[in-house]
């Protein structure tokens, strides 16, 4: 039968492109709004584009979904991947359009990009390096390379140990957060061509 990847459908704009990318690397994907499907899944992927507030509201609106995700990931040990705003939702809170509570799985907050150099444009858009930090170089999913980014807010992690990779856009920005079986990437693997597909492929093989 093979492992089932639950792709959580809460109205995220990149849902279908993430679905296609996962299928391209051989994943058996169930796009779902059902908490019980998430509870039974082998792996979970949370996509996301747009504002932190809107995405948090959409996720919370699905009956039992956050509880099911939390149970499957933190009790059941299922590998989890958050993409773009799906990664940002791992934080304690987001500061876009007021303060909005996140999942609180990786401590930190999501703040507006405010470069000191006026030549640095917001949003951070386009291809940029993903540079592994020394303590995370043995991570079996993330590798060095170039990925596609598109975001105006960034994840400011409370604990440097939770940051696995950085990128640079006028300042160092968090590209990847990781703790135990939870992984979040600020870049879009579904738009990052061979680098992104290789990342998803390694996620499918990941045994944290």
N, C-alpha and C. Protein backbone atom coordinates (compact mmCIF):
# COMPACT_ATOMS: atom_id res chain seq x y z
N UNK A 1 0.83 -1.22 0.00
CA UNK A 1 0.00 0.00 0.00
C UNK A 1 0.86 1.27 0.00
N UNK A 2 1.95 1.28 0.79
CA UNK A 2 2.79 2.47 0.86
C UNK A 2 2.27 3.48 1.86
N UNK A 3 3.17 4.35 2.25
CA UNK A 3 2.80 5.37 3.23
C UNK A 3 1.87 6.42 2.63
N UNK A 4 1.00 6.95 3.50
CA UNK A 4 0.07 7.99 3.09
C UNK A 4 0.55 9.34 3.63
N UNK A 5 0.63 10.32 2.74
CA UNK A 5 0.95 11.69 3.13
C UNK A 5 -0.35 12.49 3.14
N UNK A 6 -0.71 13.01 4.32
CA UNK A 6 -1.89 13.87 4.42
C UNK A 6 -1.48 15.29 4.09
N UNK A 7 -2.07 15.86 3.06
CA UNK A 7 -1.85 17.25 2.67
C UNK A 7 -3.07 18.03 3.14
N UNK A 8 -2.87 18.87 4.15
CA UNK A 8 -3.99 19.53 4.82
C UNK A 8 -4.55 20.64 3.94
N UNK A 9 -5.85 20.54 3.65
CA UNK A 9 -6.54 21.51 2.80
C UNK A 9 -7.35 22.46 3.66
N UNK A 10 -6.80 23.66 3.88
CA UNK A 10 -7.55 24.68 4.62
C UNK A 10 -7.70 25.95 3.78
N UNK A 11 -7.62 25.76 2.46
CA UNK A 11 -7.81 26.87 1.54
C UNK A 11 -6.54 27.56 1.10
N UNK A 12 -5.37 26.95 1.37
CA UNK A 12 -4.10 27.56 0.99
C UNK A 12 -3.95 27.60 -0.53
N UNK A 13 -3.42 28.72 -1.02
CA UNK A 13 -3.32 28.93 -2.46
C UNK A 13 -2.34 28.02 -3.18
N UNK A 14 -1.36 27.46 -2.44
CA UNK A 14 -0.37 26.61 -3.09
C UNK A 14 -0.68 25.12 -2.93
N UNK A 15 -1.88 24.80 -2.51
CA UNK A 15 -2.25 23.40 -2.25
C UNK A 15 -2.02 22.51 -3.46
N UNK A 16 -2.53 22.93 -4.62
CA UNK A 16 -2.49 22.05 -5.80
C UNK A 16 -1.07 21.89 -6.34
N UNK A 17 -0.26 22.96 -6.29
CA UNK A 17 1.11 22.83 -6.77
C UNK A 17 1.94 21.96 -5.83
N UNK A 18 1.69 22.03 -4.53
CA UNK A 18 2.36 21.14 -3.58
C UNK A 18 1.92 19.69 -3.82
N UNK A 19 0.63 19.51 -4.06
CA UNK A 19 0.10 18.17 -4.36
C UNK A 19 0.81 17.58 -5.58
N UNK A 20 0.91 18.38 -6.64
CA UNK A 20 1.54 17.90 -7.88
C UNK A 20 3.02 17.57 -7.66
N UNK A 21 3.71 18.40 -6.87
CA UNK A 21 5.12 18.15 -6.61
C UNK A 21 5.31 16.87 -5.79
N UNK A 22 4.47 16.66 -4.80
CA UNK A 22 4.55 15.43 -4.00
C UNK A 22 4.28 14.20 -4.87
N UNK A 23 3.29 14.30 -5.73
CA UNK A 23 3.00 13.17 -6.63
C UNK A 23 4.16 12.91 -7.58
N UNK A 24 4.84 13.98 -8.00
CA UNK A 24 5.96 13.85 -8.93
C UNK A 24 7.12 13.07 -8.34
N UNK A 25 7.24 13.07 -7.00
CA UNK A 25 8.32 12.31 -6.36
C UNK A 25 7.81 10.99 -5.78
N UNK A 26 6.59 10.60 -6.18
CA UNK A 26 6.09 9.27 -5.85
C UNK A 26 5.29 9.15 -4.59
N UNK A 27 4.87 10.27 -4.00
CA UNK A 27 4.11 10.21 -2.75
C UNK A 27 2.67 9.76 -3.02
N UNK A 28 2.13 9.00 -2.07
CA UNK A 28 0.71 8.67 -2.07
C UNK A 28 0.02 9.72 -1.22
N UNK A 29 -0.62 10.69 -1.87
CA UNK A 29 -1.12 11.89 -1.20
C UNK A 29 -2.63 11.82 -1.02
N UNK A 30 -3.08 12.18 0.17
CA UNK A 30 -4.50 12.40 0.42
C UNK A 30 -4.68 13.87 0.78
N UNK A 31 -5.30 14.62 -0.12
CA UNK A 31 -5.66 16.00 0.18
C UNK A 31 -6.90 15.95 1.07
N UNK A 32 -6.82 16.57 2.25
CA UNK A 32 -7.88 16.31 3.21
C UNK A 32 -8.26 17.51 4.06
N UNK A 33 -9.54 17.56 4.41
CA UNK A 33 -10.05 18.49 5.42
C UNK A 33 -10.55 17.70 6.63
N UNK A 34 -10.21 16.43 6.69
CA UNK A 34 -10.76 15.52 7.71
C UNK A 34 -9.72 15.21 8.78
N UNK A 35 -10.06 15.50 10.02
CA UNK A 35 -9.13 15.28 11.13
C UNK A 35 -8.76 13.81 11.28
N UNK A 36 -9.69 12.92 11.07
CA UNK A 36 -9.39 11.49 11.24
C UNK A 36 -8.43 10.97 10.17
N UNK A 37 -8.49 11.54 8.97
CA UNK A 37 -7.53 11.17 7.93
C UNK A 37 -6.12 11.58 8.34
N UNK A 38 -6.00 12.74 8.96
CA UNK A 38 -4.70 13.21 9.45
C UNK A 38 -4.20 12.30 10.57
N UNK A 39 -5.09 11.89 11.45
CA UNK A 39 -4.70 10.99 12.55
C UNK A 39 -4.15 9.66 12.04
N UNK A 40 -4.63 9.23 10.87
CA UNK A 40 -4.23 7.93 10.33
C UNK A 40 -3.05 8.03 9.36
N UNK A 41 -2.62 9.24 9.03
CA UNK A 41 -1.58 9.42 8.01
C UNK A 41 -0.20 9.06 8.54
N UNK A 42 0.68 8.69 7.62
CA UNK A 42 2.06 8.39 7.98
C UNK A 42 2.91 9.65 8.05
N UNK A 43 2.59 10.63 7.21
CA UNK A 43 3.30 11.90 7.18
C UNK A 43 2.29 13.02 6.93
N UNK A 44 2.63 14.22 7.37
CA UNK A 44 1.71 15.36 7.24
C UNK A 44 2.44 16.53 6.60
N UNK A 45 1.78 17.16 5.61
CA UNK A 45 2.32 18.37 4.98
C UNK A 45 1.29 19.48 5.12
N UNK A 46 1.76 20.65 5.60
CA UNK A 46 0.90 21.82 5.76
C UNK A 46 1.41 22.91 4.82
N UNK A 47 0.67 23.19 3.73
CA UNK A 47 1.09 24.24 2.81
C UNK A 47 0.72 25.61 3.37
N UNK A 48 0.85 26.65 2.55
CA UNK A 48 0.41 27.96 3.01
C UNK A 48 0.99 29.10 2.20
N UNK A 49 0.13 30.00 1.76
CA UNK A 49 0.54 31.28 1.19
C UNK A 49 -0.45 32.33 1.67
N UNK A 50 -0.02 33.60 1.64
CA UNK A 50 -0.91 34.66 2.09
C UNK A 50 -0.54 35.14 3.48
N UNK A 51 -1.51 35.68 4.19
CA UNK A 51 -1.22 36.25 5.50
C UNK A 51 -1.29 35.18 6.60
N UNK A 52 -0.46 35.38 7.61
CA UNK A 52 -0.45 34.49 8.78
C UNK A 52 -1.85 34.43 9.40
N UNK A 53 -2.46 35.61 9.55
CA UNK A 53 -3.77 35.69 10.22
C UNK A 53 -4.83 34.88 9.46
N UNK A 54 -4.88 35.07 8.14
CA UNK A 54 -5.89 34.35 7.34
C UNK A 54 -5.64 32.85 7.35
N UNK A 55 -4.37 32.44 7.26
CA UNK A 55 -4.06 31.01 7.26
C UNK A 55 -4.36 30.37 8.61
N UNK A 56 -4.02 31.08 9.69
CA UNK A 56 -4.33 30.56 11.03
C UNK A 56 -5.84 30.42 11.21
N UNK A 57 -6.58 31.39 10.73
CA UNK A 57 -8.04 31.35 10.83
C UNK A 57 -8.61 30.18 10.04
N UNK A 58 -8.07 29.96 8.83
CA UNK A 58 -8.55 28.86 7.99
C UNK A 58 -8.28 27.51 8.61
N UNK A 59 -7.09 27.36 9.20
CA UNK A 59 -6.74 26.08 9.83
C UNK A 59 -7.60 25.82 11.06
N UNK A 60 -7.80 26.86 11.86
CA UNK A 60 -8.59 26.71 13.09
C UNK A 60 -10.06 26.44 12.79
N UNK A 61 -10.50 26.83 11.59
CA UNK A 61 -11.92 26.65 11.24
C UNK A 61 -12.28 25.20 10.92
N UNK A 62 -11.28 24.34 10.72
CA UNK A 62 -11.56 22.93 10.41
C UNK A 62 -11.72 22.17 11.73
N UNK A 63 -12.90 21.61 11.98
CA UNK A 63 -13.15 20.96 13.28
C UNK A 63 -12.12 19.88 13.61
N UNK A 64 -11.44 20.05 14.74
CA UNK A 64 -10.54 19.02 15.25
C UNK A 64 -9.22 18.89 14.53
N UNK A 65 -8.95 19.74 13.52
CA UNK A 65 -7.74 19.55 12.71
C UNK A 65 -6.46 19.81 13.50
N UNK A 66 -6.41 20.93 14.23
CA UNK A 66 -5.19 21.23 14.98
C UNK A 66 -4.94 20.16 16.04
N UNK A 67 -6.00 19.70 16.68
CA UNK A 67 -5.85 18.64 17.69
C UNK A 67 -5.34 17.36 17.04
N UNK A 68 -5.86 17.03 15.86
CA UNK A 68 -5.44 15.81 15.16
C UNK A 68 -3.98 15.91 14.73
N UNK A 69 -3.59 17.06 14.20
CA UNK A 69 -2.20 17.26 13.81
C UNK A 69 -1.28 17.14 15.01
N UNK A 70 -1.64 17.79 16.09
CA UNK A 70 -0.81 17.78 17.30
C UNK A 70 -0.66 16.36 17.83
N UNK A 71 -1.76 15.63 17.86
CA UNK A 71 -1.74 14.24 18.37
C UNK A 71 -0.87 13.36 17.48
N UNK A 72 -1.04 13.46 16.16
CA UNK A 72 -0.32 12.58 15.24
C UNK A 72 1.18 12.90 15.23
N UNK A 73 1.52 14.16 15.35
CA UNK A 73 2.92 14.57 15.27
C UNK A 73 3.63 14.39 16.61
N UNK A 74 3.03 14.90 17.67
CA UNK A 74 3.72 14.94 18.96
C UNK A 74 3.53 13.67 19.79
N UNK A 75 2.47 12.95 19.55
CA UNK A 75 2.27 11.67 20.26
C UNK A 75 2.63 10.51 19.34
N UNK A 76 2.13 10.56 18.11
CA UNK A 76 2.36 9.47 17.17
C UNK A 76 3.70 9.50 16.46
N UNK A 77 4.37 10.67 16.48
CA UNK A 77 5.71 10.75 15.89
C UNK A 77 5.75 10.85 14.38
N UNK A 78 4.63 11.22 13.74
CA UNK A 78 4.63 11.33 12.28
C UNK A 78 5.51 12.49 11.82
N UNK A 79 6.34 12.29 10.79
CA UNK A 79 7.11 13.40 10.23
C UNK A 79 6.17 14.48 9.67
N UNK A 80 6.52 15.73 9.93
CA UNK A 80 5.68 16.88 9.56
C UNK A 80 6.51 17.87 8.77
N UNK A 81 5.93 18.40 7.68
CA UNK A 81 6.57 19.44 6.89
C UNK A 81 5.62 20.62 6.70
N UNK A 82 6.05 21.80 7.14
CA UNK A 82 5.31 23.03 6.90
C UNK A 82 6.01 23.83 5.81
N UNK A 83 5.24 24.37 4.87
CA UNK A 83 5.80 25.08 3.72
C UNK A 83 5.32 26.53 3.72
N UNK A 84 6.28 27.48 3.66
CA UNK A 84 6.01 28.92 3.61
C UNK A 84 5.16 29.34 4.82
N UNK A 85 3.93 29.80 4.64
CA UNK A 85 3.13 30.16 5.81
C UNK A 85 2.82 28.93 6.66
N UNK A 86 2.79 27.76 6.05
CA UNK A 86 2.64 26.52 6.82
C UNK A 86 3.80 26.32 7.79
N UNK A 87 4.98 26.79 7.42
CA UNK A 87 6.13 26.81 8.33
C UNK A 87 5.97 27.90 9.38
N UNK A 88 5.53 29.08 8.96
CA UNK A 88 5.39 30.19 9.90
C UNK A 88 4.36 29.89 10.99
N UNK A 89 3.34 29.12 10.65
CA UNK A 89 2.30 28.78 11.64
C UNK A 89 2.84 27.94 12.79
N UNK A 90 4.05 27.38 12.65
CA UNK A 90 4.66 26.64 13.75
C UNK A 90 5.03 27.56 14.91
N UNK A 91 5.15 28.85 14.67
CA UNK A 91 5.58 29.81 15.68
C UNK A 91 4.52 30.03 16.75
N UNK A 92 4.91 30.72 17.81
CA UNK A 92 3.97 31.05 18.88
C UNK A 92 2.92 32.05 18.41
N UNK A 93 3.36 33.00 17.56
CA UNK A 93 2.43 34.04 17.12
C UNK A 93 2.95 34.70 15.85
N UNK A 94 2.02 35.31 15.13
CA UNK A 94 2.35 36.12 13.98
C UNK A 94 1.91 37.54 14.22
N UNK A 95 2.65 38.50 13.67
CA UNK A 95 2.38 39.92 13.93
C UNK A 95 1.80 40.63 12.70
N UNK A 96 1.23 39.86 11.78
CA UNK A 96 0.64 40.43 10.57
C UNK A 96 -0.83 40.74 10.82
N UNK A 97 -1.24 42.01 10.61
CA UNK A 97 -2.62 42.45 10.87
C UNK A 97 -3.01 42.17 12.33
N UNK A 98 -2.14 42.58 13.25
CA UNK A 98 -2.39 42.31 14.67
C UNK A 98 -1.69 41.03 15.10
N UNK A 99 -1.86 40.67 16.35
CA UNK A 99 -1.21 39.48 16.91
C UNK A 99 -2.15 38.29 16.77
N UNK A 100 -1.65 37.22 16.14
CA UNK A 100 -2.44 36.00 15.94
C UNK A 100 -1.65 34.83 16.50
N UNK A 101 -2.31 33.99 17.27
CA UNK A 101 -1.63 32.83 17.84
C UNK A 101 -1.34 31.79 16.77
N UNK A 102 -0.13 31.22 16.84
CA UNK A 102 0.23 30.12 15.98
C UNK A 102 0.10 28.80 16.72
N UNK A 103 0.69 27.76 16.16
CA UNK A 103 0.62 26.44 16.78
C UNK A 103 1.50 26.34 18.02
N UNK A 104 2.58 27.12 18.07
CA UNK A 104 3.47 27.08 19.21
C UNK A 104 4.34 25.83 19.27
N UNK A 105 4.57 25.20 18.13
CA UNK A 105 5.39 23.98 18.11
C UNK A 105 6.89 24.30 18.14
N UNK A 106 7.25 25.45 17.55
CA UNK A 106 8.64 25.92 17.58
C UNK A 106 8.59 27.39 18.03
N UNK A 107 9.20 27.67 19.16
CA UNK A 107 9.05 28.98 19.78
C UNK A 107 9.64 30.10 18.92
N UNK A 108 8.86 31.16 18.79
CA UNK A 108 9.29 32.32 18.02
C UNK A 108 8.09 33.10 17.55
N UNK A 109 8.37 34.16 16.78
CA UNK A 109 7.27 34.94 16.22
C UNK A 109 7.59 35.32 14.78
N UNK A 110 6.53 35.59 14.03
CA UNK A 110 6.66 35.91 12.61
C UNK A 110 6.49 37.42 12.44
N UNK A 111 7.57 38.06 11.98
CA UNK A 111 7.64 39.52 11.92
C UNK A 111 7.81 40.01 10.49
N UNK A 112 7.44 41.27 10.27
CA UNK A 112 7.61 41.91 8.97
C UNK A 112 9.09 42.05 8.63
N UNK A 113 9.44 41.81 7.38
CA UNK A 113 10.78 42.10 6.89
C UNK A 113 10.96 43.62 6.85
N UNK A 114 11.98 44.11 7.55
CA UNK A 114 12.23 45.55 7.60
C UNK A 114 13.71 45.82 7.35
N UNK A 115 14.16 45.66 6.10
CA UNK A 115 15.58 45.87 5.80
C UNK A 115 16.01 47.31 6.03
N UNK A 116 17.23 47.49 6.54
CA UNK A 116 17.75 48.83 6.77
C UNK A 116 18.21 49.48 5.48
N UNK A 117 18.53 48.68 4.49
CA UNK A 117 18.98 49.18 3.19
C UNK A 117 17.76 49.34 2.28
N UNK A 118 17.45 50.57 1.84
CA UNK A 118 16.26 50.79 0.99
C UNK A 118 16.34 50.08 -0.36
N UNK A 119 17.54 49.64 -0.74
CA UNK A 119 17.68 48.91 -2.00
C UNK A 119 17.16 47.47 -1.89
N UNK A 120 17.00 47.00 -0.67
CA UNK A 120 16.50 45.64 -0.44
C UNK A 120 14.98 45.65 -0.50
N UNK A 121 14.42 44.96 -1.45
CA UNK A 121 12.98 45.02 -1.69
C UNK A 121 12.21 44.03 -0.81
N UNK A 122 11.00 44.41 -0.46
CA UNK A 122 10.05 43.54 0.22
C UNK A 122 8.82 43.47 -0.66
N UNK A 123 8.33 42.26 -0.98
CA UNK A 123 8.71 40.97 -0.42
C UNK A 123 10.07 40.46 -0.92
N UNK A 124 10.61 39.51 -0.17
CA UNK A 124 11.77 38.73 -0.59
C UNK A 124 11.25 37.74 -1.63
N UNK A 125 11.61 37.96 -2.89
CA UNK A 125 11.02 37.17 -3.97
C UNK A 125 12.10 36.72 -4.93
N UNK A 126 12.10 35.42 -5.22
CA UNK A 126 13.02 34.89 -6.21
C UNK A 126 13.94 33.83 -5.62
N UNK A 127 14.97 33.49 -6.39
CA UNK A 127 15.90 32.43 -6.01
C UNK A 127 16.95 32.95 -5.03
N UNK A 128 17.23 32.15 -4.01
CA UNK A 128 18.24 32.54 -3.04
C UNK A 128 18.84 31.28 -2.42
N UNK A 129 20.01 31.46 -1.81
CA UNK A 129 20.72 30.33 -1.22
C UNK A 129 20.02 29.81 0.03
N UNK A 130 20.10 28.50 0.22
CA UNK A 130 19.73 27.86 1.48
C UNK A 130 21.05 27.35 2.07
N UNK A 131 21.48 27.98 3.16
CA UNK A 131 22.78 27.67 3.77
C UNK A 131 22.56 26.95 5.09
N UNK A 132 23.02 25.71 5.15
CA UNK A 132 22.86 24.92 6.36
C UNK A 132 23.73 25.48 7.49
N UNK A 133 23.21 25.43 8.72
CA UNK A 133 24.00 25.79 9.88
C UNK A 133 24.79 24.57 10.36
N UNK A 134 25.94 24.80 10.99
CA UNK A 134 26.81 23.67 11.34
C UNK A 134 26.12 22.57 12.14
N UNK A 135 25.27 22.95 13.10
CA UNK A 135 24.65 21.92 13.94
C UNK A 135 23.61 21.09 13.19
N UNK A 136 23.21 21.55 11.99
CA UNK A 136 22.15 20.86 11.25
C UNK A 136 22.65 20.22 9.96
N UNK A 137 23.95 20.22 9.73
CA UNK A 137 24.46 19.74 8.44
C UNK A 137 24.20 18.26 8.21
N UNK A 138 23.93 17.52 9.27
CA UNK A 138 23.64 16.09 9.10
C UNK A 138 22.15 15.82 8.90
N UNK A 139 21.32 16.88 8.84
CA UNK A 139 19.87 16.67 8.67
C UNK A 139 19.61 15.95 7.35
N UNK A 140 18.79 14.94 7.41
CA UNK A 140 18.63 14.06 6.25
C UNK A 140 17.64 14.57 5.21
N UNK A 141 16.99 15.73 5.46
CA UNK A 141 16.04 16.27 4.48
C UNK A 141 16.61 17.50 3.77
N UNK A 142 17.17 18.42 4.53
CA UNK A 142 17.61 19.69 3.96
C UNK A 142 19.04 19.60 3.46
N UNK A 143 19.28 20.18 2.30
CA UNK A 143 20.63 20.25 1.76
C UNK A 143 20.96 21.66 1.30
N UNK A 144 22.22 21.90 1.03
CA UNK A 144 22.65 23.19 0.49
C UNK A 144 22.11 23.34 -0.93
N UNK A 145 21.80 24.56 -1.30
CA UNK A 145 21.36 24.79 -2.67
C UNK A 145 20.64 26.10 -2.81
N UNK A 146 19.93 26.26 -3.92
CA UNK A 146 19.15 27.46 -4.18
C UNK A 146 17.68 27.09 -4.26
N UNK A 147 16.85 27.91 -3.63
CA UNK A 147 15.41 27.65 -3.62
C UNK A 147 14.66 28.94 -3.93
N UNK A 148 13.37 28.78 -4.22
CA UNK A 148 12.53 29.93 -4.57
C UNK A 148 11.77 30.41 -3.33
N UNK A 149 11.94 31.70 -3.04
CA UNK A 149 11.29 32.33 -1.88
C UNK A 149 10.27 33.36 -2.34
N UNK A 150 9.22 33.53 -1.55
CA UNK A 150 8.26 34.61 -1.77
C UNK A 150 7.57 34.90 -0.43
N UNK A 151 8.06 35.92 0.28
CA UNK A 151 7.46 36.23 1.59
C UNK A 151 7.83 37.65 2.01
N UNK A 152 6.93 38.26 2.79
CA UNK A 152 7.16 39.60 3.36
C UNK A 152 7.37 39.54 4.86
N UNK A 153 7.08 38.39 5.46
CA UNK A 153 7.27 38.18 6.90
C UNK A 153 8.24 37.03 7.09
N UNK A 154 8.95 37.05 8.22
CA UNK A 154 9.96 36.02 8.45
C UNK A 154 9.83 35.43 9.85
N UNK A 155 10.31 34.22 10.01
CA UNK A 155 10.24 33.50 11.28
C UNK A 155 11.46 33.90 12.13
N UNK A 156 11.20 34.56 13.26
CA UNK A 156 12.26 34.89 14.22
C UNK A 156 12.20 33.86 15.34
N UNK A 157 13.07 32.88 15.28
CA UNK A 157 13.04 31.77 16.24
C UNK A 157 13.66 32.19 17.57
N UNK A 158 13.06 31.73 18.67
CA UNK A 158 13.57 32.06 20.00
C UNK A 158 14.86 31.31 20.32
N UNK A 159 14.98 30.07 19.83
CA UNK A 159 16.12 29.22 20.14
C UNK A 159 16.91 28.95 18.86
N UNK A 160 18.17 29.40 18.79
CA UNK A 160 18.97 29.16 17.59
C UNK A 160 19.09 27.69 17.23
N UNK A 161 18.95 26.81 18.20
CA UNK A 161 19.05 25.37 17.93
C UNK A 161 17.92 24.88 17.04
N UNK A 162 16.82 25.64 16.97
CA UNK A 162 15.69 25.25 16.12
C UNK A 162 15.85 25.70 14.67
N UNK A 163 16.88 26.48 14.38
CA UNK A 163 17.13 26.97 13.02
C UNK A 163 18.12 26.04 12.33
N UNK A 164 17.69 25.45 11.23
CA UNK A 164 18.54 24.49 10.51
C UNK A 164 19.26 25.11 9.33
N UNK A 165 18.68 26.15 8.74
CA UNK A 165 19.30 26.79 7.57
C UNK A 165 18.87 28.24 7.49
N UNK A 166 19.74 29.04 6.87
CA UNK A 166 19.48 30.47 6.71
C UNK A 166 19.56 30.85 5.23
N UNK A 167 19.00 32.01 4.93
CA UNK A 167 19.21 32.64 3.63
C UNK A 167 19.55 34.10 3.91
N UNK A 168 19.82 34.88 2.88
CA UNK A 168 20.23 36.26 3.09
C UNK A 168 19.43 37.18 2.17
N UNK A 169 18.81 38.20 2.78
CA UNK A 169 18.10 39.21 1.99
C UNK A 169 18.25 40.54 2.74
N UNK A 170 19.45 41.10 2.63
CA UNK A 170 19.76 42.31 3.38
C UNK A 170 20.18 42.00 4.81
N UNK A 171 19.75 40.87 5.31
CA UNK A 171 20.11 40.36 6.63
C UNK A 171 19.90 38.85 6.59
N UNK A 172 20.42 38.17 7.58
CA UNK A 172 20.18 36.74 7.65
C UNK A 172 18.74 36.44 8.00
N UNK A 173 18.10 35.60 7.20
CA UNK A 173 16.71 35.21 7.45
C UNK A 173 16.63 33.70 7.60
N UNK A 174 15.73 33.26 8.45
CA UNK A 174 15.54 31.82 8.67
C UNK A 174 14.93 31.20 7.43
N UNK A 175 15.60 30.19 6.88
CA UNK A 175 15.08 29.46 5.72
C UNK A 175 14.43 28.15 6.13
N UNK A 176 14.94 27.53 7.21
CA UNK A 176 14.43 26.24 7.67
C UNK A 176 14.44 26.19 9.19
N UNK A 177 13.34 25.72 9.77
CA UNK A 177 13.31 25.40 11.20
C UNK A 177 13.11 23.89 11.33
N UNK A 178 13.68 23.32 12.38
CA UNK A 178 13.57 21.88 12.58
C UNK A 178 13.70 21.54 14.06
N UNK A 179 12.81 20.69 14.51
CA UNK A 179 12.91 20.15 15.87
C UNK A 179 12.30 18.76 15.86
N UNK A 180 13.10 17.78 16.21
CA UNK A 180 12.64 16.38 16.25
C UNK A 180 12.02 16.00 14.90
N UNK A 181 10.73 15.64 14.90
CA UNK A 181 10.07 15.20 13.66
C UNK A 181 9.29 16.33 12.98
N UNK A 182 9.55 17.56 13.39
CA UNK A 182 8.88 18.73 12.81
C UNK A 182 9.88 19.53 11.98
N UNK A 183 9.50 19.82 10.74
CA UNK A 183 10.36 20.55 9.81
C UNK A 183 9.53 21.63 9.13
N UNK A 184 10.10 22.81 9.00
CA UNK A 184 9.42 23.88 8.29
C UNK A 184 10.37 24.59 7.35
N UNK A 185 9.93 24.85 6.11
CA UNK A 185 10.77 25.53 5.13
C UNK A 185 10.08 26.81 4.67
N UNK A 186 10.83 27.92 4.71
CA UNK A 186 10.27 29.20 4.27
C UNK A 186 10.15 29.24 2.75
N UNK A 187 11.02 28.55 2.06
CA UNK A 187 10.98 28.53 0.59
C UNK A 187 9.86 27.62 0.08
N UNK A 188 9.64 27.70 -1.22
CA UNK A 188 8.59 26.88 -1.86
C UNK A 188 9.24 25.71 -2.60
N UNK A 189 9.27 24.52 -2.03
CA UNK A 189 9.85 23.39 -2.76
C UNK A 189 9.12 23.11 -4.06
N UNK A 190 7.81 23.39 -4.09
CA UNK A 190 7.02 23.12 -5.30
C UNK A 190 7.38 24.06 -6.44
N UNK A 191 8.12 25.16 -6.14
CA UNK A 191 8.57 26.10 -7.17
C UNK A 191 10.08 26.08 -7.34
N UNK A 192 10.74 25.19 -6.62
CA UNK A 192 12.21 25.20 -6.57
C UNK A 192 12.86 24.13 -7.44
N UNK A 193 12.14 23.68 -8.45
CA UNK A 193 12.66 22.77 -9.47
C UNK A 193 13.38 21.57 -8.84
N UNK A 194 14.54 21.22 -9.33
CA UNK A 194 15.19 19.98 -8.88
C UNK A 194 15.54 20.02 -7.40
N UNK A 195 15.94 21.20 -6.89
CA UNK A 195 16.26 21.30 -5.46
C UNK A 195 15.01 21.02 -4.61
N UNK A 196 13.89 21.59 -5.00
CA UNK A 196 12.66 21.40 -4.24
C UNK A 196 12.16 19.97 -4.30
N UNK A 197 12.21 19.37 -5.48
CA UNK A 197 11.75 17.98 -5.61
C UNK A 197 12.65 17.03 -4.80
N UNK A 198 13.95 17.30 -4.80
CA UNK A 198 14.86 16.48 -4.01
C UNK A 198 14.57 16.62 -2.52
N UNK A 199 14.20 17.83 -2.09
CA UNK A 199 13.84 18.06 -0.68
C UNK A 199 12.60 17.24 -0.31
N UNK A 200 11.58 17.28 -1.17
CA UNK A 200 10.36 16.52 -0.91
C UNK A 200 10.63 15.01 -0.91
N UNK A 201 11.48 14.59 -1.82
CA UNK A 201 11.82 13.16 -1.91
C UNK A 201 12.50 12.70 -0.62
N UNK A 202 13.41 13.52 -0.11
CA UNK A 202 14.08 13.16 1.14
C UNK A 202 13.11 13.18 2.31
N UNK A 203 12.13 14.09 2.27
CA UNK A 203 11.11 14.12 3.32
C UNK A 203 10.34 12.79 3.37
N UNK A 204 10.06 12.24 2.20
CA UNK A 204 9.32 10.97 2.15
C UNK A 204 10.12 9.82 2.76
N UNK A 205 11.45 9.94 2.73
CA UNK A 205 12.32 8.88 3.27
C UNK A 205 12.76 9.14 4.70
N UNK A 206 12.38 10.30 5.23
CA UNK A 206 12.88 10.77 6.54
C UNK A 206 12.33 9.90 7.67
N UNK A 207 13.24 9.44 8.53
CA UNK A 207 12.85 8.69 9.71
C UNK A 207 13.48 9.34 10.95
N UNK A 208 12.89 10.44 11.41
CA UNK A 208 13.46 11.19 12.54
C UNK A 208 13.37 10.39 13.86
